[in-house]
Amino acid sequence: HCNFEFDLCGWKQDENDDFDWHLRTSGIAKLGTGPATDHTLQEPSGHYIFIKNSFFQIPGQKSRISSPVLSRKNKNCKVRGDVVIIFYYHMYGAHTGSLIIYQRTTLKHEKILLNLTGNQGNFWQRKAVTVSGDRDEDFQVVFEGIAGEGPKDGIALDDLTFSRDC
């Protein structure tokens, strides 16, 4: 489980992307550039990760962050079945880009698990995504944010949780 209150909890910025996800609080957000509070504490002092469209990003540029490697060799994971990742997202603005979630194997094969594009509303939304596939191959989950065209629009993530048994 990661609520981003202290750090990135082992999630890593990808090196092959165009820019990074940023750890931030709503207290430093300017009007119209992100959620009013984080999801965990529901306070302006709470933390989440965020990408913001800006004059520094060209629409279509990508920012990626990857989970620690998860092992399919864990016997509890095999018995229980598929892994589920539950997370909260905030995608607001007329020109918000896209949020794509991938499952990446240790052999670097990627499969899209979810693709959200555009304005999803000015509130935190919960999503549960199932990670399936080969029971014996280790994997990571990758969140990819794609910059849109609006300079004030952005994508935020908070409270990323994997099913306990895996």
C-alpha atoms as a PDB file:
ATOM      1  CA  HIS A   1       0.000   0.000   0.000  1.00  0.00           C
ATOM      2  CA  CYS A   2       1.297   3.487  -0.812  1.00  0.00           C
ATOM      3  CA  ASN A   3      -0.378   6.719   0.235  1.00  0.00           C
ATOM      4  CA  PHE A   4       2.621   8.927  -0.684  1.00  0.00           C
ATOM      5  CA  GLU A   5       2.574  10.671   2.700  1.00  0.00           C
ATOM      6  CA  PHE A   6       6.311  10.150   3.231  1.00  0.00           C
ATOM      7  CA  ASP A   7       7.842   8.994  -0.048  1.00  0.00           C
ATOM      8  CA  LEU A   8       7.224   6.992  -3.235  1.00  0.00           C
ATOM      9  CA  CYS A   9       7.153   3.651  -1.297  1.00  0.00           C
ATOM     10  CA  GLY A  10       9.467   1.852  -3.711  1.00  0.00           C
ATOM     11  CA  TRP A  11       7.731   3.079  -6.856  1.00  0.00           C
ATOM     12  CA  LYS A  12      10.365   4.254  -9.351  1.00  0.00           C
ATOM     13  CA  GLN A  13      10.367   6.870 -12.085  1.00  0.00           C
ATOM     14  CA  ASP A  14      11.091   5.234 -15.447  1.00  0.00           C
ATOM     15  CA  GLU A  15      14.249   6.418 -17.167  1.00  0.00           C
ATOM     16  CA  ASN A  16      12.847   6.100 -20.697  1.00  0.00           C
ATOM     17  CA  ASP A  17      10.078   8.687 -20.378  1.00  0.00           C
ATOM     18  CA  ASP A  18       9.910  12.427 -21.071  1.00  0.00           C
ATOM     19  CA  PHE A  19       9.252  13.840 -17.579  1.00  0.00           C
ATOM     20  CA  ASP A  20       8.491  12.691 -14.000  1.00  0.00           C
ATOM     21  CA  TRP A  21       5.579  12.243 -11.662  1.00  0.00           C
ATOM     22  CA  HIS A  22       5.922  14.680  -8.733  1.00  0.00           C
ATOM     23  CA  LEU A  23       5.132  14.130  -5.078  1.00  0.00           C
ATOM     24  CA  ARG A  24       3.122  17.119  -3.882  1.00  0.00           C
ATOM     25  CA  THR A  25       0.483  18.512  -1.552  1.00  0.00           C
ATOM     26  CA  SER A  26      -2.653  20.382  -2.482  1.00  0.00           C
ATOM     27  CA  GLY A  27      -1.467  23.232  -0.288  1.00  0.00           C
ATOM     28  CA  ILE A  28       1.084  24.186  -2.944  1.00  0.00           C
ATOM     29  CA  ALA A  29      -1.275  23.623  -5.859  1.00  0.00           C
ATOM     30  CA  LYS A  30      -2.503  26.676  -7.666  1.00  0.00           C
ATOM     31  CA  LEU A  31      -6.178  27.092  -8.396  1.00  0.00           C
ATOM     32  CA  GLY A  32      -7.231  24.794 -11.206  1.00  0.00           C
ATOM     33  CA  THR A  33      -4.064  22.684 -11.278  1.00  0.00           C
ATOM     34  CA  GLY A  34      -5.059  19.620  -9.327  1.00  0.00           C
ATOM     35  CA  PRO A  35      -7.200  18.230  -6.533  1.00  0.00           C
ATOM     36  CA  ALA A  36      -8.098  20.456  -3.563  1.00  0.00           C
ATOM     37  CA  THR A  37      -7.009  17.681  -1.144  1.00  0.00           C
ATOM     38  CA  ASP A  38      -5.271  14.349  -1.309  1.00  0.00           C
ATOM     39  CA  HIS A  39      -7.393  11.197  -1.086  1.00  0.00           C
ATOM     40  CA  THR A  40      -5.814   9.664   2.045  1.00  0.00           C
ATOM     41  CA  LEU A  41      -6.175  12.478   4.569  1.00  0.00           C
ATOM     42  CA  GLN A  42      -8.614  14.592   2.567  1.00  0.00           C
ATOM     43  CA  GLU A  43      -6.649  17.641   3.638  1.00  0.00           C
ATOM     44  CA  PRO A  44      -4.581  20.169   1.679  1.00  0.00           C
ATOM     45  CA  SER A  45      -1.481  19.006   3.597  1.00  0.00           C
ATOM     46  CA  GLY A  46      -1.847  15.413   2.328  1.00  0.00           C
ATOM     47  CA  HIS A  47       0.402  14.035  -0.408  1.00  0.00           C
ATOM     48  CA  TYR A  48      -0.200  12.401  -3.795  1.00  0.00           C
ATOM     49  CA  ILE A  49       1.679  12.098  -7.080  1.00  0.00           C
ATOM     50  CA  PHE A  50       0.820  14.394  -9.947  1.00  0.00           C
ATOM     51  CA  ILE A  51       1.653  15.286 -13.525  1.00  0.00           C
ATOM     52  CA  LYS A  52       0.632  18.669 -14.820  1.00  0.00           C
ATOM     53  CA  ASN A  53       0.394  19.788 -18.387  1.00  0.00           C
ATOM     54  CA  SER A  54       2.588  22.833 -18.764  1.00  0.00           C
ATOM     55  CA  PHE A  55       4.488  24.881 -21.248  1.00  0.00           C
ATOM     56  CA  PHE A  56       7.454  22.575 -20.563  1.00  0.00           C
ATOM     57  CA  GLN A  57       5.682  19.477 -21.857  1.00  0.00           C
ATOM     58  CA  ILE A  58       4.597  18.924 -25.429  1.00  0.00           C
ATOM     59  CA  PRO A  59       1.179  17.247 -25.735  1.00  0.00           C
ATOM     60  CA  GLY A  60       1.752  13.521 -26.043  1.00  0.00           C
ATOM     61  CA  GLN A  61       4.909  13.402 -23.907  1.00  0.00           C
ATOM     62  CA  LYS A  62       4.899  10.601 -21.335  1.00  0.00           C
ATOM     63  CA  SER A  63       5.667  10.246 -17.641  1.00  0.00           C
ATOM     64  CA  ARG A  64       5.951   6.726 -16.189  1.00  0.00           C
ATOM     65  CA  ILE A  65       6.239   5.345 -12.673  1.00  0.00           C
ATOM     66  CA  SER A  66       6.661   1.617 -11.911  1.00  0.00           C
ATOM     67  CA  SER A  67       5.801  -0.539  -8.926  1.00  0.00           C
ATOM     68  CA  PRO A  68       8.339  -2.736  -7.192  1.00  0.00           C
ATOM     69  CA  VAL A  69       8.632  -6.178  -8.824  1.00  0.00           C
ATOM     70  CA  LEU A  70       5.852  -8.494  -7.650  1.00  0.00           C
ATOM     71  CA  SER A  71       6.480 -12.231  -7.522  1.00  0.00           C
ATOM     72  CA  ARG A  72       4.087 -14.766  -9.018  1.00  0.00           C
ATOM     73  CA  LYS A  73       6.070 -17.493  -7.280  1.00  0.00           C
ATOM     74  CA  ASN A  74       4.400 -16.676  -3.955  1.00  0.00           C
ATOM     75  CA  LYS A  75       2.178 -19.718  -3.273  1.00  0.00           C
ATOM     76  CA  ASN A  76      -0.550 -17.527  -1.733  1.00  0.00           C
ATOM     77  CA  CYS A  77      -0.684 -15.485  -4.909  1.00  0.00           C
ATOM     78  CA  LYS A  78      -1.207 -18.645  -6.995  1.00  0.00           C
ATOM     79  CA  VAL A  79      -3.903 -20.017  -4.696  1.00  0.00           C
ATOM     80  CA  ARG A  80      -5.851 -16.769  -4.519  1.00  0.00           C
ATOM     81  CA  GLY A  81      -5.836 -16.166  -8.246  1.00  0.00           C
ATOM     82  CA  ASP A  82      -5.451 -12.816  -9.940  1.00  0.00           C
ATOM     83  CA  VAL A  83      -3.748  -9.809  -8.388  1.00  0.00           C
ATOM     84  CA  VAL A  84      -5.840  -6.693  -8.005  1.00  0.00           C
ATOM     85  CA  ILE A  85      -4.494  -3.160  -7.758  1.00  0.00           C
ATOM     86  CA  ILE A  86      -6.841  -0.593  -6.257  1.00  0.00           C
ATOM     87  CA  PHE A  87      -6.050   3.095  -6.652  1.00  0.00           C
ATOM     88  CA  TYR A  88      -7.602   6.550  -6.663  1.00  0.00           C
ATOM     89  CA  TYR A  89      -7.179   8.996  -9.523  1.00  0.00           C
ATOM     90  CA  HIS A  90      -8.098  12.607 -10.263  1.00  0.00           C
ATOM     91  CA  MET A  91      -8.161  13.738 -13.911  1.00  0.00           C
ATOM     92  CA  TYR A  92      -9.668  17.152 -14.356  1.00  0.00           C
ATOM     93  CA  GLY A  93      -9.610  19.809 -17.050  1.00  0.00           C
ATOM     94  CA  ALA A  94     -10.844  20.372 -20.576  1.00  0.00           C
ATOM     95  CA  HIS A  95      -7.537  19.284 -22.090  1.00  0.00           C
ATOM     96  CA  THR A  96      -6.441  16.541 -19.704  1.00  0.00           C
ATOM     97  CA  GLY A  97      -4.307  13.885 -21.360  1.00  0.00           C
ATOM     98  CA  SER A  98      -4.412  10.145 -20.694  1.00  0.00           C
ATOM     99  CA  LEU A  99      -3.658   7.679 -17.917  1.00  0.00           C
ATOM    100  CA  ILE A 100      -2.624   4.232 -19.122  1.00  0.00           C
ATOM    101  CA  ILE A 101      -1.871   1.337 -16.788  1.00  0.00           C
ATOM    102  CA  TYR A 102       0.359  -1.486 -17.978  1.00  0.00           C
ATOM    103  CA  GLN A 103       1.422  -4.841 -16.651  1.00  0.00           C
ATOM    104  CA  ARG A 104       5.144  -5.235 -17.477  1.00  0.00           C
ATOM    105  CA  THR A 105       6.857  -8.599 -17.141  1.00  0.00           C
ATOM    106  CA  THR A 106      10.494  -9.003 -16.201  1.00  0.00           C
ATOM    107  CA  LEU A 107      11.115  -9.676 -19.907  1.00  0.00           C
ATOM    108  CA  LYS A 108       9.744  -6.148 -20.593  1.00  0.00           C
ATOM    109  CA  HIS A 109       6.557  -7.318 -22.315  1.00  0.00           C
ATOM    110  CA  GLU A 110       3.771  -4.807 -21.649  1.00  0.00           C
ATOM    111  CA  LYS A 111       0.021  -5.303 -21.683  1.00  0.00           C
ATOM    112  CA  ILE A 112      -2.474  -2.445 -21.289  1.00  0.00           C
ATOM    113  CA  LEU A 113      -4.777  -2.991 -18.313  1.00  0.00           C
ATOM    114  CA  LEU A 114      -6.647   0.334 -18.427  1.00  0.00           C
ATOM    115  CA  ASN A 115      -6.753   3.454 -20.591  1.00  0.00           C
ATOM    116  CA  LEU A 116      -8.500   6.622 -19.374  1.00  0.00           C
ATOM    117  CA  THR A 117      -8.497   9.779 -21.487  1.00  0.00           C
ATOM    118  CA  GLY A 118      -9.724  13.315 -20.917  1.00  0.00           C
ATOM    119  CA  ASN A 119     -11.705  14.989 -18.170  1.00  0.00           C
ATOM    120  CA  GLN A 120     -12.983  12.442 -15.628  1.00  0.00           C
ATOM    121  CA  GLY A 121     -14.380  14.983 -13.142  1.00  0.00           C
ATOM    122  CA  ASN A 122     -13.106  17.226 -10.363  1.00  0.00           C
ATOM    123  CA  PHE A 123     -13.057  14.543  -7.666  1.00  0.00           C
ATOM    124  CA  TRP A 124     -11.121  11.437  -6.608  1.00  0.00           C
ATOM    125  CA  GLN A 125     -12.371   8.233  -8.206  1.00  0.00           C
ATOM    126  CA  ARG A 126     -11.651   4.656  -7.147  1.00  0.00           C
ATOM    127  CA  LYS A 127     -10.605   2.033  -9.664  1.00  0.00           C
ATOM    128  CA  ALA A 128      -9.758  -1.655  -9.255  1.00  0.00           C
ATOM    129  CA  VAL A 129      -7.774  -3.346 -12.019  1.00  0.00           C
ATOM    130  CA  THR A 130      -7.038  -7.058 -12.320  1.00  0.00           C
ATOM    131  CA  VAL A 131      -3.540  -8.159 -13.269  1.00  0.00           C
ATOM    132  CA  SER A 132      -3.561 -11.586 -14.880  1.00  0.00           C
ATOM    133  CA  GLY A 133      -1.344 -13.727 -17.060  1.00  0.00           C
ATOM    134  CA  ASP A 134       1.424 -16.237 -16.465  1.00  0.00           C
ATOM    135  CA  ARG A 135       1.346 -17.377 -12.856  1.00  0.00           C
ATOM    136  CA  ASP A 136       5.127 -17.871 -12.696  1.00  0.00           C
ATOM    137  CA  GLU A 137       6.459 -14.668 -14.272  1.00  0.00           C
ATOM    138  CA  ASP A 138       7.311 -11.734 -12.029  1.00  0.00           C
ATOM    139  CA  PHE A 139       5.872  -8.378 -13.078  1.00  0.00           C
ATOM    140  CA  GLN A 140       5.462  -4.683 -12.350  1.00  0.00           C
ATOM    141  CA  VAL A 141       2.537  -2.326 -12.756  1.00  0.00           C
ATOM    142  CA  VAL A 142       3.320   0.870 -14.658  1.00  0.00           C
ATOM    143  CA  PHE A 143       1.275   4.069 -14.504  1.00  0.00           C
ATOM    144  CA  GLU A 144       1.820   6.221 -17.580  1.00  0.00           C
ATOM    145  CA  GLY A 145       0.539   9.787 -17.731  1.00  0.00           C
ATOM    146  CA  ILE A 146       0.381  11.446 -21.134  1.00  0.00           C
ATOM    147  CA  ALA A 147       0.408  15.244 -21.312  1.00  0.00           C
ATOM    148  CA  GLY A 148      -2.628  16.944 -22.819  1.00  0.00           C
ATOM    149  CA  GLU A 149      -2.930  20.444 -24.251  1.00  0.00           C
ATOM    150  CA  GLY A 150      -4.256  22.527 -21.332  1.00  0.00           C
ATOM    151  CA  PRO A 151      -1.586  24.252 -19.198  1.00  0.00           C
ATOM    152  CA  LYS A 152      -3.661  23.913 -16.000  1.00  0.00           C
ATOM    153  CA  ASP A 153      -4.884  20.349 -16.491  1.00  0.00           C
ATOM    154  CA  GLY A 154      -3.326  17.330 -14.830  1.00  0.00           C
ATOM    155  CA  ILE A 155      -3.533  13.806 -13.483  1.00  0.00           C
ATOM    156  CA  ALA A 156      -3.126  12.795  -9.831  1.00  0.00           C
ATOM    157  CA  LEU A 157      -2.796   9.361  -8.180  1.00  0.00           C
ATOM    158  CA  ASP A 158      -3.123   8.355  -4.543  1.00  0.00           C
ATOM    159  CA  ASP A 159      -3.556   5.282  -2.320  1.00  0.00           C
ATOM    160  CA  LEU A 160      -2.172   2.563  -4.605  1.00  0.00           C
ATOM    161  CA  THR A 161      -2.824  -0.845  -3.026  1.00  0.00           C
ATOM    162  CA  PHE A 162      -2.079  -4.371  -4.235  1.00  0.00           C
ATOM    163  CA  SER A 163      -4.090  -7.368  -3.047  1.00  0.00           C
ATOM    164  CA  ARG A 164      -2.496  -8.554   0.174  1.00  0.00           C
ATOM    165  CA  ASP A 165      -1.656 -12.155  -0.764  1.00  0.00           C
ATOM    166  CA  CYS A 166       0.701 -11.243  -3.611  1.00  0.00           C
END
